[in-house]
PDB file of all heavy atoms in Angstrom:
ATOM      1  N   SER A   1    -113.143  16.512-120.781  1.00  0.00           N
ATOM      2  CA  SER A   1    -112.118  16.493-119.729  1.00  0.00           C
ATOM      3  C   SER A   1    -112.035  17.858-119.044  1.00  0.00           C
ATOM      4  O   SER A   1    -111.811  17.938-117.837  1.00  0.00           O
ATOM      5  CB  SER A   1    -110.759  16.061-120.277  1.00  0.00           C
ATOM      6  OG  SER A   1    -110.312  16.961-121.249  1.00  0.00           O
ATOM      7  N   LEU A   2    -112.248  18.914-119.783  1.00  0.00           N
ATOM      8  CA  LEU A   2    -112.224  20.259-119.204  1.00  0.00           C
ATOM      9  C   LEU A   2    -113.343  20.425-118.179  1.00  0.00           C
ATOM     10  O   LEU A   2    -113.104  20.874-117.050  1.00  0.00           O
ATOM     11  CB  LEU A   2    -112.356  21.311-120.312  1.00  0.00           C
ATOM     12  CG  LEU A   2    -112.368  22.759-119.874  1.00  0.00           C
ATOM     13  CD1 LEU A   2    -111.062  23.134-119.200  1.00  0.00           C
ATOM     14  CD2 LEU A   2    -112.626  23.660-121.067  1.00  0.00           C
ATOM     15  N   GLU A   3    -114.562  20.067-118.547  1.00  0.00           N
ATOM     16  CA  GLU A   3    -115.699  20.164-117.628  1.00  0.00           C
ATOM     17  C   GLU A   3    -115.477  19.299-116.395  1.00  0.00           C
ATOM     18  O   GLU A   3    -115.685  19.750-115.266  1.00  0.00           O
ATOM     19  CB  GLU A   3    -116.992  19.726-118.330  1.00  0.00           C
ATOM     20  CG  GLU A   3    -117.405  20.620-119.456  1.00  0.00           C
ATOM     21  CD  GLU A   3    -118.368  19.961-120.424  1.00  0.00           C
ATOM     22  OE1 GLU A   3    -118.600  18.736-120.331  1.00  0.00           O
ATOM     23  OE2 GLU A   3    -118.883  20.698-121.295  1.00  0.00           O
ATOM     24  N   LEU A   4    -115.048  18.078-116.632  1.00  0.00           N
ATOM     25  CA  LEU A   4    -114.798  17.154-115.527  1.00  0.00           C
ATOM     26  C   LEU A   4    -113.789  17.748-114.549  1.00  0.00           C
ATOM     27  O   LEU A   4    -114.012  17.743-113.330  1.00  0.00           O
ATOM     28  CB  LEU A   4    -114.287  15.815-116.061  1.00  0.00           C
ATOM     29  CG  LEU A   4    -113.924  14.779-115.010  1.00  0.00           C
ATOM     30  CD1 LEU A   4    -115.168  14.247-114.325  1.00  0.00           C
ATOM     31  CD2 LEU A   4    -113.145  13.648-115.651  1.00  0.00           C
ATOM     32  N   ASN A   5    -112.701  18.282-115.058  1.00  0.00           N
ATOM     33  CA  ASN A   5    -111.648  18.835-114.203  1.00  0.00           C
ATOM     34  C   ASN A   5    -112.124  20.070-113.439  1.00  0.00           C
ATOM     35  O   ASN A   5    -111.787  20.250-112.276  1.00  0.00           O
ATOM     36  CB  ASN A   5    -110.404  19.153-115.022  1.00  0.00           C
ATOM     37  CG  ASN A   5    -109.743  17.907-115.559  1.00  0.00           C
ATOM     38  OD1 ASN A   5    -109.891  16.816-115.007  1.00  0.00           O
ATOM     39  ND2 ASN A   5    -109.014  18.043-116.646  1.00  0.00           N
ATOM     40  N   VAL A   6    -112.902  20.902-114.080  1.00  0.00           N
ATOM     41  CA  VAL A   6    -113.420  22.103-113.414  1.00  0.00           C
ATOM     42  C   VAL A   6    -114.402  21.715-112.306  1.00  0.00           C
ATOM     43  O   VAL A   6    -114.295  22.190-111.168  1.00  0.00           O
ATOM     44  CB  VAL A   6    -114.066  23.070-114.428  1.00  0.00           C
ATOM     45  CG1 VAL A   6    -114.845  24.169-113.724  1.00  0.00           C
ATOM     46  CG2 VAL A   6    -112.988  23.679-115.322  1.00  0.00           C
ATOM     47  N   PHE A   7    -115.345  20.830-112.611  1.00  0.00           N
ATOM     48  CA  PHE A   7    -116.316  20.397-111.596  1.00  0.00           C
ATOM     49  C   PHE A   7    -115.612  19.681-110.447  1.00  0.00           C
ATOM     50  O   PHE A   7    -115.913  19.915-109.279  1.00  0.00           O
ATOM     51  CB  PHE A   7    -117.376  19.476-112.202  1.00  0.00           C
ATOM     52  CG  PHE A   7    -118.208  20.105-113.291  1.00  0.00           C
ATOM     53  CD1 PHE A   7    -118.926  19.316-114.152  1.00  0.00           C
ATOM     54  CD2 PHE A   7    -118.275  21.484-113.450  1.00  0.00           C
ATOM     55  CE1 PHE A   7    -119.705  19.882-115.165  1.00  0.00           C
ATOM     56  CE2 PHE A   7    -119.050  22.064-114.449  1.00  0.00           C
ATOM     57  CZ  PHE A   7    -119.763  21.249-115.316  1.00  0.00           C
ATOM     58  N   TYR A   8    -114.675  18.823-110.796  1.00  0.00           N
ATOM     59  CA  TYR A   8    -113.898  18.084-109.790  1.00  0.00           C
ATOM     60  C   TYR A   8    -113.153  19.062-108.874  1.00  0.00           C
ATOM     61  O   TYR A   8    -113.128  18.882-107.657  1.00  0.00           O
ATOM     62  CB  TYR A   8    -112.913  17.147-110.496  1.00  0.00           C
ATOM     63  CG  TYR A   8    -111.906  16.496-109.590  1.00  0.00           C
ATOM     64  CD1 TYR A   8    -112.243  15.374-108.835  1.00  0.00           C
ATOM     65  CD2 TYR A   8    -110.602  16.984-109.503  1.00  0.00           C
ATOM     66  CE1 TYR A   8    -111.313  14.769-108.008  1.00  0.00           C
ATOM     67  CE2 TYR A   8    -109.676  16.381-108.680  1.00  0.00           C
ATOM     68  CZ  TYR A   8    -110.032  15.276-107.938  1.00  0.00           C
ATOM     69  OH  TYR A   8    -109.094  14.681-107.111  1.00  0.00           O
ATOM     70  N   SER A   9    -112.592  20.099-109.442  1.00  0.00           N
ATOM     71  CA  SER A   9    -111.842  21.077-108.661  1.00  0.00           C
ATOM     72  C   SER A   9    -112.737  21.813-107.675  1.00  0.00           C
ATOM     73  O   SER A   9    -112.378  21.996-106.509  1.00  0.00           O
ATOM     74  CB  SER A   9    -111.145  22.069-109.589  1.00  0.00           C
ATOM     75  OG  SER A   9    -110.245  21.388-110.442  1.00  0.00           O
ATOM     76  N   TYR A  10    -113.904  22.218-108.131  1.00  0.00           N
ATOM     77  CA  TYR A  10    -114.849  22.872-107.221  1.00  0.00           C
ATOM     78  C   TYR A  10    -115.283  21.917-106.106  1.00  0.00           C
ATOM     79  O   TYR A  10    -115.370  22.314-104.941  1.00  0.00           O
ATOM     80  CB  TYR A  10    -116.088  23.381-107.973  1.00  0.00           C
ATOM     81  CG  TYR A  10    -115.906  24.744-108.586  1.00  0.00           C
ATOM     82  CD1 TYR A  10    -115.813  24.912-109.957  1.00  0.00           C
ATOM     83  CD2 TYR A  10    -115.829  25.887-107.780  1.00  0.00           C
ATOM     84  CE1 TYR A  10    -115.649  26.170-110.517  1.00  0.00           C
ATOM     85  CE2 TYR A  10    -115.665  27.147-108.328  1.00  0.00           C
ATOM     86  CZ  TYR A  10    -115.573  27.280-109.696  1.00  0.00           C
ATOM     87  OH  TYR A  10    -115.409  28.533-110.245  1.00  0.00           O
ATOM     88  N   ILE A  11    -115.546  20.689-106.450  1.00  0.00           N
ATOM     89  CA  ILE A  11    -115.998  19.717-105.447  1.00  0.00           C
ATOM     90  C   ILE A  11    -114.896  19.421-104.433  1.00  0.00           C
ATOM     91  O   ILE A  11    -115.164  19.409-103.232  1.00  0.00           O
ATOM     92  CB  ILE A  11    -116.516  18.435-106.130  1.00  0.00           C
ATOM     93  CG1 ILE A  11    -117.877  18.736-106.754  1.00  0.00           C
ATOM     94  CG2 ILE A  11    -116.607  17.267-105.154  1.00  0.00           C
ATOM     95  CD1 ILE A  11    -118.430  17.631-107.619  1.00  0.00           C
ATOM     96  N   THR A  12    -113.673  19.212-104.891  1.00  0.00           N
ATOM     97  CA  THR A  12    -112.596  18.922-103.940  1.00  0.00           C
ATOM     98  C   THR A  12    -112.339  20.121-103.027  1.00  0.00           C
ATOM     99  O   THR A  12    -112.121  19.938-101.830  1.00  0.00           O
ATOM    100  CB  THR A  12    -111.284  18.500-104.633  1.00  0.00           C
ATOM    101  OG1 THR A  12    -110.905  19.484-105.587  1.00  0.00           O
ATOM    102  CG2 THR A  12    -111.419  17.156-105.300  1.00  0.00           C
ATOM    103  N   GLU A  13    -112.389  21.313-103.581  1.00  0.00           N
ATOM    104  CA  GLU A  13    -112.216  22.501-102.735  1.00  0.00           C
ATOM    105  C   GLU A  13    -113.343  22.627-101.718  1.00  0.00           C
ATOM    106  O   GLU A  13    -113.111  22.996-100.560  1.00  0.00           O
ATOM    107  CB  GLU A  13    -112.142  23.772-103.584  1.00  0.00           C
ATOM    108  CG  GLU A  13    -110.782  24.009-104.169  1.00  0.00           C
ATOM    109  CD  GLU A  13    -110.636  25.390-104.783  1.00  0.00           C
ATOM    110  OE1 GLU A  13    -111.233  26.363-104.265  1.00  0.00           O
ATOM    111  OE2 GLU A  13    -109.910  25.495-105.787  1.00  0.00           O
ATOM    112  N   THR A  14    -114.553  22.327-102.138  1.00  0.00           N
ATOM    113  CA  THR A  14    -115.692  22.412-101.229  1.00  0.00           C
ATOM    114  C   THR A  14    -115.567  21.374-100.111  1.00  0.00           C
ATOM    115  O   THR A  14    -115.791  21.691 -98.936  1.00  0.00           O
ATOM    116  CB  THR A  14    -117.022  22.217-101.987  1.00  0.00           C
ATOM    117  OG1 THR A  14    -117.100  23.208-103.019  1.00  0.00           O
ATOM    118  CG2 THR A  14    -118.217  22.355-101.061  1.00  0.00           C
ATOM    119  N   LEU A  15    -115.213  20.151-100.467  1.00  0.00           N
ATOM    120  CA  LEU A  15    -115.041  19.104 -99.449  1.00  0.00           C
ATOM    121  C   LEU A  15    -113.916  19.464 -98.474  1.00  0.00           C
ATOM    122  O   LEU A  15    -114.059  19.283 -97.260  1.00  0.00           O
ATOM    123  CB  LEU A  15    -114.767  17.748-100.113  1.00  0.00           C
ATOM    124  CG  LEU A  15    -115.942  17.137-100.874  1.00  0.00           C
ATOM    125  CD1 LEU A  15    -115.494  15.906-101.658  1.00  0.00           C
ATOM    126  CD2 LEU A  15    -117.089  16.805 -99.935  1.00  0.00           C
ATOM    127  N   HIS A  16    -112.828  19.993 -99.001  1.00  0.00           N
ATOM    128  CA  HIS A  16    -111.718  20.417 -98.142  1.00  0.00           C
ATOM    129  C   HIS A  16    -112.155  21.553 -97.217  1.00  0.00           C
ATOM    130  O   HIS A  16    -111.846  21.564 -96.020  1.00  0.00           O
ATOM    131  CB  HIS A  16    -110.528  20.851 -99.001  1.00  0.00           C
ATOM    132  CG  HIS A  16    -109.370  21.310 -98.184  1.00  0.00           C
ATOM    133  ND1 HIS A  16    -109.161  22.625 -97.860  1.00  0.00           N
ATOM    134  CD2 HIS A  16    -108.362  20.615 -97.588  1.00  0.00           C
ATOM    135  CE1 HIS A  16    -108.086  22.736 -97.105  1.00  0.00           C
ATOM    136  NE2 HIS A  16    -107.583  21.538 -96.931  1.00  0.00           N
ATOM    137  N   TYR A  17    -112.877  22.503 -97.765  1.00  0.00           N
ATOM    138  CA  TYR A  17    -113.350  23.638 -96.986  1.00  0.00           C
ATOM    139  C   TYR A  17    -114.327  23.187 -95.894  1.00  0.00           C
ATOM    140  O   TYR A  17    -114.255  23.659 -94.758  1.00  0.00           O
ATOM    141  CB  TYR A  17    -114.002  24.663 -97.917  1.00  0.00           C
ATOM    142  CG  TYR A  17    -114.334  25.980 -97.264  1.00  0.00           C
ATOM    143  CD1 TYR A  17    -113.370  26.704 -96.557  1.00  0.00           C
ATOM    144  CD2 TYR A  17    -115.608  26.521 -97.361  1.00  0.00           C
ATOM    145  CE1 TYR A  17    -113.676  27.922 -95.963  1.00  0.00           C
ATOM    146  CE2 TYR A  17    -115.925  27.739 -96.782  1.00  0.00           C
ATOM    147  CZ  TYR A  17    -114.952  28.432 -96.079  1.00  0.00           C
ATOM    148  OH  TYR A  17    -115.257  29.642 -95.489  1.00  0.00           O
ATOM    149  N   LEU A  18    -115.218  22.278 -96.236  1.00  0.00           N
ATOM    150  CA  LEU A  18    -116.142  21.718 -95.242  1.00  0.00           C
ATOM    151  C   LEU A  18    -115.364  21.129 -94.068  1.00  0.00           C
ATOM    152  O   LEU A  18    -115.665  21.400 -92.904  1.00  0.00           O
ATOM    153  CB  LEU A  18    -116.966  20.592 -95.874  1.00  0.00           C
ATOM    154  CG  LEU A  18    -118.346  20.894 -96.389  1.00  0.00           C
ATOM    155  CD1 LEU A  18    -118.872  19.703 -97.168  1.00  0.00           C
ATOM    156  CD2 LEU A  18    -119.286  21.242 -95.275  1.00  0.00           C
ATOM    157  N   HIS A  19    -114.370  20.305 -94.387  1.00  0.00           N
ATOM    158  CA  HIS A  19    -113.560  19.665 -93.349  1.00  0.00           C
ATOM    159  C   HIS A  19    -112.848  20.703 -92.491  1.00  0.00           C
ATOM    160  O   HIS A  19    -112.889  20.631 -91.255  1.00  0.00           O
ATOM    161  CB  HIS A  19    -112.560  18.708 -94.004  1.00  0.00           C
ATOM    162  CG  HIS A  19    -111.714  17.980 -93.024  1.00  0.00           C
ATOM    163  ND1 HIS A  19    -110.342  18.047 -93.052  1.00  0.00           N
ATOM    164  CD2 HIS A  19    -112.029  17.169 -91.978  1.00  0.00           C
ATOM    165  CE1 HIS A  19    -109.855  17.308 -92.065  1.00  0.00           C
ATOM    166  NE2 HIS A  19    -110.862  16.765 -91.405  1.00  0.00           N
ATOM    167  N   SER A  20    -112.237  21.683 -93.129  1.00  0.00           N
ATOM    168  CA  SER A  20    -111.494  22.690 -92.359  1.00  0.00           C
ATOM    169  C   SER A  20    -112.424  23.511 -91.458  1.00  0.00           C
ATOM    170  O   SER A  20    -112.051  23.872 -90.338  1.00  0.00           O
ATOM    171  CB  SER A  20    -110.691  23.605 -93.282  1.00  0.00           C
ATOM    172  OG  SER A  20    -111.549  24.420 -94.051  1.00  0.00           O
ATOM    173  N   GLN A  21    -113.634  23.787 -91.928  1.00  0.00           N
ATOM    174  CA  GLN A  21    -114.587  24.547 -91.121  1.00  0.00           C
ATOM    175  C   GLN A  21    -115.056  23.745 -89.907  1.00  0.00           C
ATOM    176  O   GLN A  21    -115.239  24.309 -88.821  1.00  0.00           O
ATOM    177  CB  GLN A  21    -115.783  24.980 -91.969  1.00  0.00           C
ATOM    178  CG  GLN A  21    -115.437  25.999 -93.035  1.00  0.00           C
ATOM    179  CD  GLN A  21    -114.851  27.263 -92.426  1.00  0.00           C
ATOM    180  OE1 GLN A  21    -115.527  27.998 -91.720  1.00  0.00           O
ATOM    181  NE2 GLN A  21    -113.574  27.514 -92.685  1.00  0.00           N
ATOM    182  N   VAL A  22    -115.253  22.452 -90.081  1.00  0.00           N
ATOM    183  CA  VAL A  22    -115.628  21.596 -88.938  1.00  0.00           C
ATOM    184  C   VAL A  22    -114.480  21.576 -87.929  1.00  0.00           C
ATOM    185  O   VAL A  22    -114.710  21.704 -86.719  1.00  0.00           O
ATOM    186  CB  VAL A  22    -115.994  20.164 -89.400  1.00  0.00           C
ATOM    187  CG1 VAL A  22    -116.141  19.225 -88.205  1.00  0.00           C
ATOM    188  CG2 VAL A  22    -117.285  20.187 -90.212  1.00  0.00           C
ATOM    189  N   LEU A  23    -113.255  21.442 -88.409  1.00  0.00           N
ATOM    190  CA  LEU A  23    -112.097  21.418 -87.501  1.00  0.00           C
ATOM    191  C   LEU A  23    -111.949  22.739 -86.751  1.00  0.00           C
ATOM    192  O   LEU A  23    -111.539  22.741 -85.586  1.00  0.00           O
ATOM    193  CB  LEU A  23    -110.811  21.111 -88.271  1.00  0.00           C
ATOM    194  CG  LEU A  23    -110.700  19.718 -88.868  1.00  0.00           C
ATOM    195  CD1 LEU A  23    -109.359  19.544 -89.560  1.00  0.00           C
ATOM    196  CD2 LEU A  23    -110.909  18.643 -87.821  1.00  0.00           C
ATOM    197  N   GLU A  24    -112.281  23.846 -87.402  1.00  0.00           N
ATOM    198  CA  GLU A  24    -112.234  25.149 -86.739  1.00  0.00           C
ATOM    199  C   GLU A  24    -113.197  25.198 -85.560  1.00  0.00           C
ATOM    200  O   GLU A  24    -112.920  25.823 -84.542  1.00  0.00           O
ATOM    201  CB  GLU A  24    -112.607  26.250 -87.740  1.00  0.00           C
ATOM    202  CG  GLU A  24    -111.546  27.286 -87.911  1.00  0.00           C
ATOM    203  CD  GLU A  24    -111.950  28.331 -88.932  1.00  0.00           C
ATOM    204  OE1 GLU A  24    -112.956  29.043 -88.715  1.00  0.00           O
ATOM    205  OE2 GLU A  24    -111.231  28.433 -89.940  1.00  0.00           O
ATOM    206  N   LYS A  25    -114.322  24.538 -85.706  1.00  0.00           N
ATOM    207  CA  LYS A  25    -115.324  24.516 -84.637  1.00  0.00           C
ATOM    208  C   LYS A  25    -114.974  23.515 -83.535  1.00  0.00           C
ATOM    209  O   LYS A  25    -115.507  23.601 -82.434  1.00  0.00           O
ATOM    210  CB  LYS A  25    -116.699  24.167 -85.208  1.00  0.00           C
ATOM    211  CG  LYS A  25    -117.180  25.143 -86.251  1.00  0.00           C
ATOM    212  CD  LYS A  25    -118.596  25.550 -85.985  1.00  0.00           C
ATOM    213  CE  LYS A  25    -119.065  26.622 -86.919  1.00  0.00           C
ATOM    214  NZ  LYS A  25    -118.696  27.959 -86.554  1.00  0.00           N
ATOM    215  N   LEU A  26    -114.094  22.572 -83.845  1.00  0.00           N
ATOM    216  CA  LEU A  26    -113.730  21.514 -82.893  1.00  0.00           C
ATOM    217  C   LEU A  26    -112.207  21.385 -82.759  1.00  0.00           C
ATOM    218  O   LEU A  26    -111.643  20.330 -83.055  1.00  0.00           O
ATOM    219  CB  LEU A  26    -114.308  20.166 -83.361  1.00  0.00           C
ATOM    220  CG  LEU A  26    -115.814  20.090 -83.528  1.00  0.00           C
ATOM    221  CD1 LEU A  26    -116.199  18.830 -84.279  1.00  0.00           C
ATOM    222  CD2 LEU A  26    -116.504  20.153 -82.185  1.00  0.00           C
ATOM    223  N   PRO A  27    -111.528  22.437 -82.314  1.00  0.00           N
ATOM    224  CA  PRO A  27    -110.065  22.379 -82.271  1.00  0.00           C
ATOM    225  C   PRO A  27    -109.524  21.259 -81.371  1.00  0.00           C
ATOM    226  O   PRO A  27    -108.466  20.689 -81.654  1.00  0.00           O
ATOM    227  CB  PRO A  27    -109.653  23.758 -81.746  1.00  0.00           C
ATOM    228  CG  PRO A  27    -110.882  24.328 -81.134  1.00  0.00           C
ATOM    229  CD  PRO A  27    -112.052  23.695 -81.800  1.00  0.00           C
ATOM    230  N   ASP A  28    -110.256  20.926 -80.323  1.00  0.00           N
ATOM    231  CA  ASP A  28    -109.805  19.871 -79.421  1.00  0.00           C
ATOM    232  C   ASP A  28    -109.916  18.471 -80.050  1.00  0.00           C
ATOM    233  O   ASP A  28    -109.260  17.535 -79.596  1.00  0.00           O
ATOM    234  CB  ASP A  28    -110.588  19.911 -78.101  1.00  0.00           C
ATOM    235  CG  ASP A  28    -112.088  19.902 -78.301  1.00  0.00           C
ATOM    236  OD1 ASP A  28    -112.554  20.542 -79.258  1.00  0.00           O
ATOM    237  OD2 ASP A  28    -112.796  19.260 -77.506  1.00  0.00           O
ATOM    238  N   LEU A  29    -110.690  18.324 -81.100  1.00  0.00           N
ATOM    239  CA  LEU A  29    -110.842  17.023 -81.768  1.00  0.00           C
ATOM    240  C   LEU A  29    -110.063  16.936 -83.087  1.00  0.00           C
ATOM    241  O   LEU A  29    -110.191  15.962 -83.819  1.00  0.00           O
ATOM    242  CB  LEU A  29    -112.323  16.735 -82.040  1.00  0.00           C
ATOM    243  CG  LEU A  29    -113.235  16.599 -80.829  1.00  0.00           C
ATOM    244  CD1 LEU A  29    -114.677  16.394 -81.267  1.00  0.00           C
ATOM    245  CD2 LEU A  29    -112.786  15.457 -79.940  1.00  0.00           C
ATOM    246  N   LYS A  30    -109.271  17.965 -83.365  1.00  0.00           N
ATOM    247  CA  LYS A  30    -108.571  18.073 -84.646  1.00  0.00           C
ATOM    248  C   LYS A  30    -107.744  16.824 -84.981  1.00  0.00           C
ATOM    249  O   LYS A  30    -107.811  16.316 -86.096  1.00  0.00           O
ATOM    250  CB  LYS A  30    -107.673  19.306 -84.627  1.00  0.00           C
ATOM    251  CG  LYS A  30    -107.163  19.710 -85.972  1.00  0.00           C
ATOM    252  CD  LYS A  30    -106.444  21.037 -85.870  1.00  0.00           C
ATOM    253  CE  LYS A  30    -106.134  21.549 -87.247  1.00  0.00           C
ATOM    254  NZ  LYS A  30    -105.659  22.917 -87.228  1.00  0.00           N
ATOM    255  N   ARG A  31    -107.026  16.310 -84.009  1.00  0.00           N
ATOM    256  CA  ARG A  31    -106.169  15.136 -84.266  1.00  0.00           C
ATOM    257  C   ARG A  31    -106.993  13.876 -84.533  1.00  0.00           C
ATOM    258  O   ARG A  31    -106.555  12.990 -85.260  1.00  0.00           O
ATOM    259  CB  ARG A  31    -105.218  14.905 -83.099  1.00  0.00           C
ATOM    260  CG  ARG A  31    -104.183  16.025 -82.978  1.00  0.00           C
ATOM    261  CD  ARG A  31    -103.204  15.695 -81.930  1.00  0.00           C
ATOM    262  NE  ARG A  31    -102.493  14.479 -82.346  1.00  0.00           N
ATOM    263  CZ  ARG A  31    -101.276  14.179 -82.002  1.00  0.00           C
ATOM    264  NH1 ARG A  31    -100.621  14.975 -81.205  1.00  0.00           N
ATOM    265  NH2 ARG A  31    -100.716  13.078 -82.411  1.00  0.00           N
ATOM    266  N   GLY A  32    -108.167  13.805 -83.969  1.00  0.00           N
ATOM    267  CA  GLY A  32    -109.021  12.634 -84.150  1.00  0.00           C
ATOM    268  C   GLY A  32    -109.889  12.690 -85.389  1.00  0.00           C
ATOM    269  O   GLY A  32    -110.604  11.731 -85.693  1.00  0.00           O
ATOM    270  N   LEU A  33    -109.812  13.807 -86.107  1.00  0.00           N
ATOM    271  CA  LEU A  33    -110.615  13.964 -87.325  1.00  0.00           C
ATOM    272  C   LEU A  33    -109.716  14.376 -88.492  1.00  0.00           C
ATOM    273  O   LEU A  33    -109.855  15.464 -89.056  1.00  0.00           O
ATOM    274  CB  LEU A  33    -111.705  15.025 -87.105  1.00  0.00           C
ATOM    275  CG  LEU A  33    -112.703  14.755 -85.983  1.00  0.00           C
ATOM    276  CD1 LEU A  33    -113.557  15.983 -85.708  1.00  0.00           C
ATOM    277  CD2 LEU A  33    -113.571  13.557 -86.321  1.00  0.00           C
ATOM    278  N   PRO A  34    -108.783  13.502 -88.883  1.00  0.00           N
ATOM    279  CA  PRO A  34    -107.804  13.882 -89.907  1.00  0.00           C
ATOM    280  C   PRO A  34    -108.383  14.041 -91.312  1.00  0.00           C
ATOM    281  O   PRO A  34    -107.775  14.689 -92.155  1.00  0.00           O
ATOM    282  CB  PRO A  34    -106.790  12.739 -89.875  1.00  0.00           C
ATOM    283  CG  PRO A  34    -107.572  11.567 -89.379  1.00  0.00           C
ATOM    284  CD  PRO A  34    -108.571  12.133 -88.411  1.00  0.00           C
ATOM    285  N   THR A  35    -109.540  13.470 -91.560  1.00  0.00           N
ATOM    286  CA  THR A  35    -110.132  13.545 -92.894  1.00  0.00           C
ATOM    287  C   THR A  35    -111.624  13.847 -92.794  1.00  0.00           C
ATOM    288  O   THR A  35    -112.240  13.663 -91.741  1.00  0.00           O
ATOM    289  CB  THR A  35    -109.975  12.216 -93.662  1.00  0.00           C
ATOM    290  OG1 THR A  35    -110.705  11.202 -92.965  1.00  0.00           O
ATOM    291  CG2 THR A  35    -108.517  11.803 -93.804  1.00  0.00           C
ATOM    292  N   LEU A  36    -112.191  14.257 -93.906  1.00  0.00           N
ATOM    293  CA  LEU A  36    -113.638  14.470 -93.950  1.00  0.00           C
ATOM    294  C   LEU A  36    -114.364  13.140 -93.728  1.00  0.00           C
ATOM    295  O   LEU A  36    -115.423  13.103 -93.110  1.00  0.00           O
ATOM    296  CB  LEU A  36    -114.055  15.091 -95.276  1.00  0.00           C
ATOM    297  CG  LEU A  36    -115.539  15.386 -95.419  1.00  0.00           C
ATOM    298  CD1 LEU A  36    -116.002  16.424 -94.400  1.00  0.00           C
ATOM    299  CD2 LEU A  36    -115.866  15.846 -96.825  1.00  0.00           C
TER     300      LEU A  36
END
């Protein structure tokens, strides 16, 4: 469970970061891209 939680945490942070970086590049489309 420890390994799973650590790997899961890195993956969720990476997916969130990916999404936020795309939104930074496309501020005019931010409302139309609410999720990854």
